[in-house]
Amino acid sequence: MKIGDIDIQNSILNLEMNVEVLSKVLDYVMQNNPSVRFPTPIEHAQMRSDTLSEIKKKYPSNGILGG
């Protein structure tokens, strides 16, 4: 199934896989490196904003709002 430029089924499967892998990597890093500095709330907000901008560029015809 496609919506605009997005193949929904493949996108969901890829996202699920990426989220699970990243979650496991982050857990590993946190368990093995207790002195790791995590992003501040401001840095995290900037990461979210940057990511939204990247997604808007990737799917320009989908009318993604926010940011």
N, C-alpha and C. Protein backbone atom coordinates (compact mmCIF):
# COMPACT_ATOMS: atom_id res chain seq x y z
N MET A 1 0.84 -1.17 0.00
CA MET A 1 0.00 0.00 0.00
C MET A 1 0.88 1.24 0.00
N LYS A 2 0.53 2.20 -0.82
CA LYS A 2 1.30 3.43 -0.90
C LYS A 2 0.42 4.63 -0.58
N ILE A 3 1.02 5.56 0.11
CA ILE A 3 0.39 6.86 0.34
C ILE A 3 1.41 7.89 -0.15
N GLY A 4 1.09 8.57 -1.23
CA GLY A 4 2.05 9.48 -1.82
C GLY A 4 3.28 8.71 -2.25
N ASP A 5 4.45 9.14 -1.77
CA ASP A 5 5.71 8.49 -2.11
C ASP A 5 6.08 7.37 -1.13
N ILE A 6 5.24 7.10 -0.14
CA ILE A 6 5.61 6.18 0.93
C ILE A 6 4.97 4.81 0.73
N ASP A 7 5.80 3.76 0.68
CA ASP A 7 5.33 2.38 0.69
C ASP A 7 5.13 2.01 2.16
N ILE A 8 3.89 2.03 2.61
CA ILE A 8 3.56 1.91 4.03
C ILE A 8 4.09 0.61 4.64
N GLN A 9 3.83 -0.52 4.02
CA GLN A 9 4.22 -1.80 4.61
C GLN A 9 5.73 -1.88 4.79
N ASN A 10 6.50 -1.56 3.75
CA ASN A 10 7.96 -1.62 3.87
C ASN A 10 8.48 -0.59 4.86
N SER A 11 7.89 0.58 4.86
CA SER A 11 8.33 1.62 5.79
C SER A 11 8.13 1.20 7.23
N ILE A 12 6.97 0.62 7.52
CA ILE A 12 6.70 0.19 8.90
C ILE A 12 7.66 -0.90 9.32
N LEU A 13 7.88 -1.89 8.47
CA LEU A 13 8.81 -2.97 8.81
C LEU A 13 10.23 -2.44 9.02
N ASN A 14 10.67 -1.55 8.14
CA ASN A 14 12.01 -0.97 8.28
C ASN A 14 12.12 -0.15 9.56
N LEU A 15 11.11 0.61 9.86
CA LEU A 15 11.12 1.42 11.08
C LEU A 15 11.14 0.55 12.33
N GLU A 16 10.32 -0.49 12.34
CA GLU A 16 10.31 -1.41 13.49
C GLU A 16 11.69 -2.02 13.71
N MET A 17 12.31 -2.45 12.63
CA MET A 17 13.64 -3.05 12.72
C MET A 17 14.65 -2.03 13.25
N ASN A 18 14.64 -0.83 12.68
CA ASN A 18 15.59 0.19 13.10
C ASN A 18 15.39 0.59 14.56
N VAL A 19 14.15 0.74 14.98
CA VAL A 19 13.88 1.12 16.36
C VAL A 19 14.38 0.04 17.32
N GLU A 20 14.10 -1.20 17.00
CA GLU A 20 14.54 -2.30 17.88
C GLU A 20 16.06 -2.38 17.95
N VAL A 21 16.73 -2.25 16.82
CA VAL A 21 18.20 -2.30 16.82
C VAL A 21 18.76 -1.13 17.62
N LEU A 22 18.25 0.06 17.37
CA LEU A 22 18.75 1.23 18.10
C LEU A 22 18.48 1.12 19.60
N SER A 23 17.35 0.57 19.96
CA SER A 23 17.03 0.37 21.37
C SER A 23 18.05 -0.57 22.02
N LYS A 24 18.38 -1.65 21.34
CA LYS A 24 19.36 -2.60 21.87
C LYS A 24 20.76 -1.98 21.95
N VAL A 25 21.13 -1.20 20.94
CA VAL A 25 22.43 -0.53 20.95
C VAL A 25 22.49 0.46 22.11
N LEU A 26 21.44 1.24 22.29
CA LEU A 26 21.42 2.22 23.38
C LEU A 26 21.48 1.53 24.74
N ASP A 27 20.73 0.45 24.92
CA ASP A 27 20.80 -0.31 26.17
C ASP A 27 22.22 -0.81 26.42
N TYR A 28 22.86 -1.33 25.38
CA TYR A 28 24.23 -1.82 25.51
C TYR A 28 25.18 -0.70 25.93
N VAL A 29 25.08 0.42 25.26
CA VAL A 29 25.95 1.56 25.56
C VAL A 29 25.74 2.02 27.00
N MET A 30 24.49 2.13 27.41
CA MET A 30 24.20 2.59 28.77
C MET A 30 24.72 1.60 29.82
N GLN A 31 24.61 0.32 29.56
CA GLN A 31 25.06 -0.69 30.52
C GLN A 31 26.58 -0.77 30.59
N ASN A 32 27.26 -0.49 29.48
CA ASN A 32 28.70 -0.67 29.43
C ASN A 32 29.50 0.62 29.52
N ASN A 33 28.83 1.74 29.54
CA ASN A 33 29.51 3.03 29.60
C ASN A 33 28.73 4.00 30.49
N PRO A 34 28.77 3.79 31.80
CA PRO A 34 27.94 4.61 32.69
C PRO A 34 28.28 6.10 32.67
N SER A 35 29.44 6.47 32.15
CA SER A 35 29.81 7.88 32.13
C SER A 35 29.42 8.59 30.84
N VAL A 36 28.68 7.91 29.97
CA VAL A 36 28.26 8.51 28.70
C VAL A 36 27.36 9.71 28.98
N ARG A 37 27.61 10.79 28.27
CA ARG A 37 26.80 12.01 28.39
C ARG A 37 25.64 11.91 27.42
N PHE A 38 24.42 11.99 27.93
CA PHE A 38 23.24 11.94 27.09
C PHE A 38 22.79 13.34 26.72
N PRO A 39 22.03 13.48 25.64
CA PRO A 39 21.60 14.82 25.21
C PRO A 39 20.74 15.51 26.27
N THR A 40 20.90 16.82 26.34
CA THR A 40 20.05 17.62 27.20
C THR A 40 18.67 17.71 26.55
N PRO A 41 17.66 18.15 27.28
CA PRO A 41 16.34 18.33 26.65
C PRO A 41 16.39 19.29 25.44
N ILE A 42 17.21 20.32 25.52
CA ILE A 42 17.33 21.25 24.40
C ILE A 42 17.98 20.56 23.20
N GLU A 43 19.04 19.80 23.44
CA GLU A 43 19.69 19.06 22.35
C GLU A 43 18.74 18.04 21.75
N HIS A 44 17.96 17.38 22.60
CA HIS A 44 16.99 16.39 22.12
C HIS A 44 15.94 17.06 21.25
N ALA A 45 15.45 18.22 21.66
CA ALA A 45 14.46 18.95 20.87
C ALA A 45 15.05 19.34 19.51
N GLN A 46 16.32 19.74 19.48
CA GLN A 46 16.96 20.10 18.22
C GLN A 46 17.10 18.87 17.31
N MET A 47 17.40 17.72 17.90
CA MET A 47 17.49 16.48 17.12
C MET A 47 16.14 16.15 16.49
N ARG A 48 15.06 16.33 17.25
CA ARG A 48 13.71 16.06 16.73
C ARG A 48 13.39 17.02 15.59
N SER A 49 13.74 18.29 15.77
CA SER A 49 13.49 19.29 14.74
C SER A 49 14.27 18.99 13.46
N ASP A 50 15.55 18.64 13.63
CA ASP A 50 16.39 18.30 12.48
C ASP A 50 15.84 17.08 11.75
N THR A 51 15.39 16.09 12.51
CA THR A 51 14.85 14.87 11.91
C THR A 51 13.57 15.17 11.13
N LEU A 52 12.70 16.00 11.69
CA LEU A 52 11.48 16.38 11.00
C LEU A 52 11.81 17.09 9.68
N SER A 53 12.79 17.96 9.70
CA SER A 53 13.20 18.66 8.47
C SER A 53 13.70 17.67 7.42
N GLU A 54 14.47 16.67 7.86
CA GLU A 54 14.98 15.66 6.94
C GLU A 54 13.84 14.85 6.33
N ILE A 55 12.84 14.51 7.14
CA ILE A 55 11.71 13.73 6.64
C ILE A 55 10.89 14.56 5.66
N LYS A 56 10.72 15.84 5.95
CA LYS A 56 9.99 16.72 5.02
C LYS A 56 10.70 16.79 3.67
N LYS A 57 12.03 16.81 3.69
CA LYS A 57 12.80 16.84 2.44
C LYS A 57 12.66 15.50 1.69
N LYS A 58 12.63 14.42 2.44
CA LYS A 58 12.55 13.09 1.84
C LYS A 58 11.19 12.86 1.19
N TYR A 59 10.12 13.41 1.81
CA TYR A 59 8.76 13.21 1.32
C TYR A 59 8.08 14.57 1.11
N PRO A 60 8.56 15.36 0.15
CA PRO A 60 8.05 16.71 -0.01
C PRO A 60 6.58 16.81 -0.43
N SER A 61 6.07 15.78 -1.10
CA SER A 61 4.70 15.86 -1.61
C SER A 61 3.66 15.39 -0.60
N ASN A 62 4.08 15.02 0.62
CA ASN A 62 3.14 14.47 1.57
C ASN A 62 2.54 15.50 2.54
N GLY A 63 2.97 16.75 2.45
CA GLY A 63 2.40 17.79 3.28
C GLY A 63 2.60 17.59 4.76
N ILE A 64 3.77 17.09 5.16
CA ILE A 64 4.06 16.85 6.56
C ILE A 64 4.14 18.19 7.28
N LEU A 65 3.40 18.31 8.38
CA LEU A 65 3.35 19.56 9.14
C LEU A 65 4.21 19.47 10.39
N GLY A 66 4.36 20.57 11.04
CA GLY A 66 5.10 20.59 12.30
C GLY A 66 6.46 21.18 12.13
N GLY A 67 7.14 21.33 13.25
CA GLY A 67 8.50 21.80 13.19
C GLY A 67 8.64 23.14 13.74
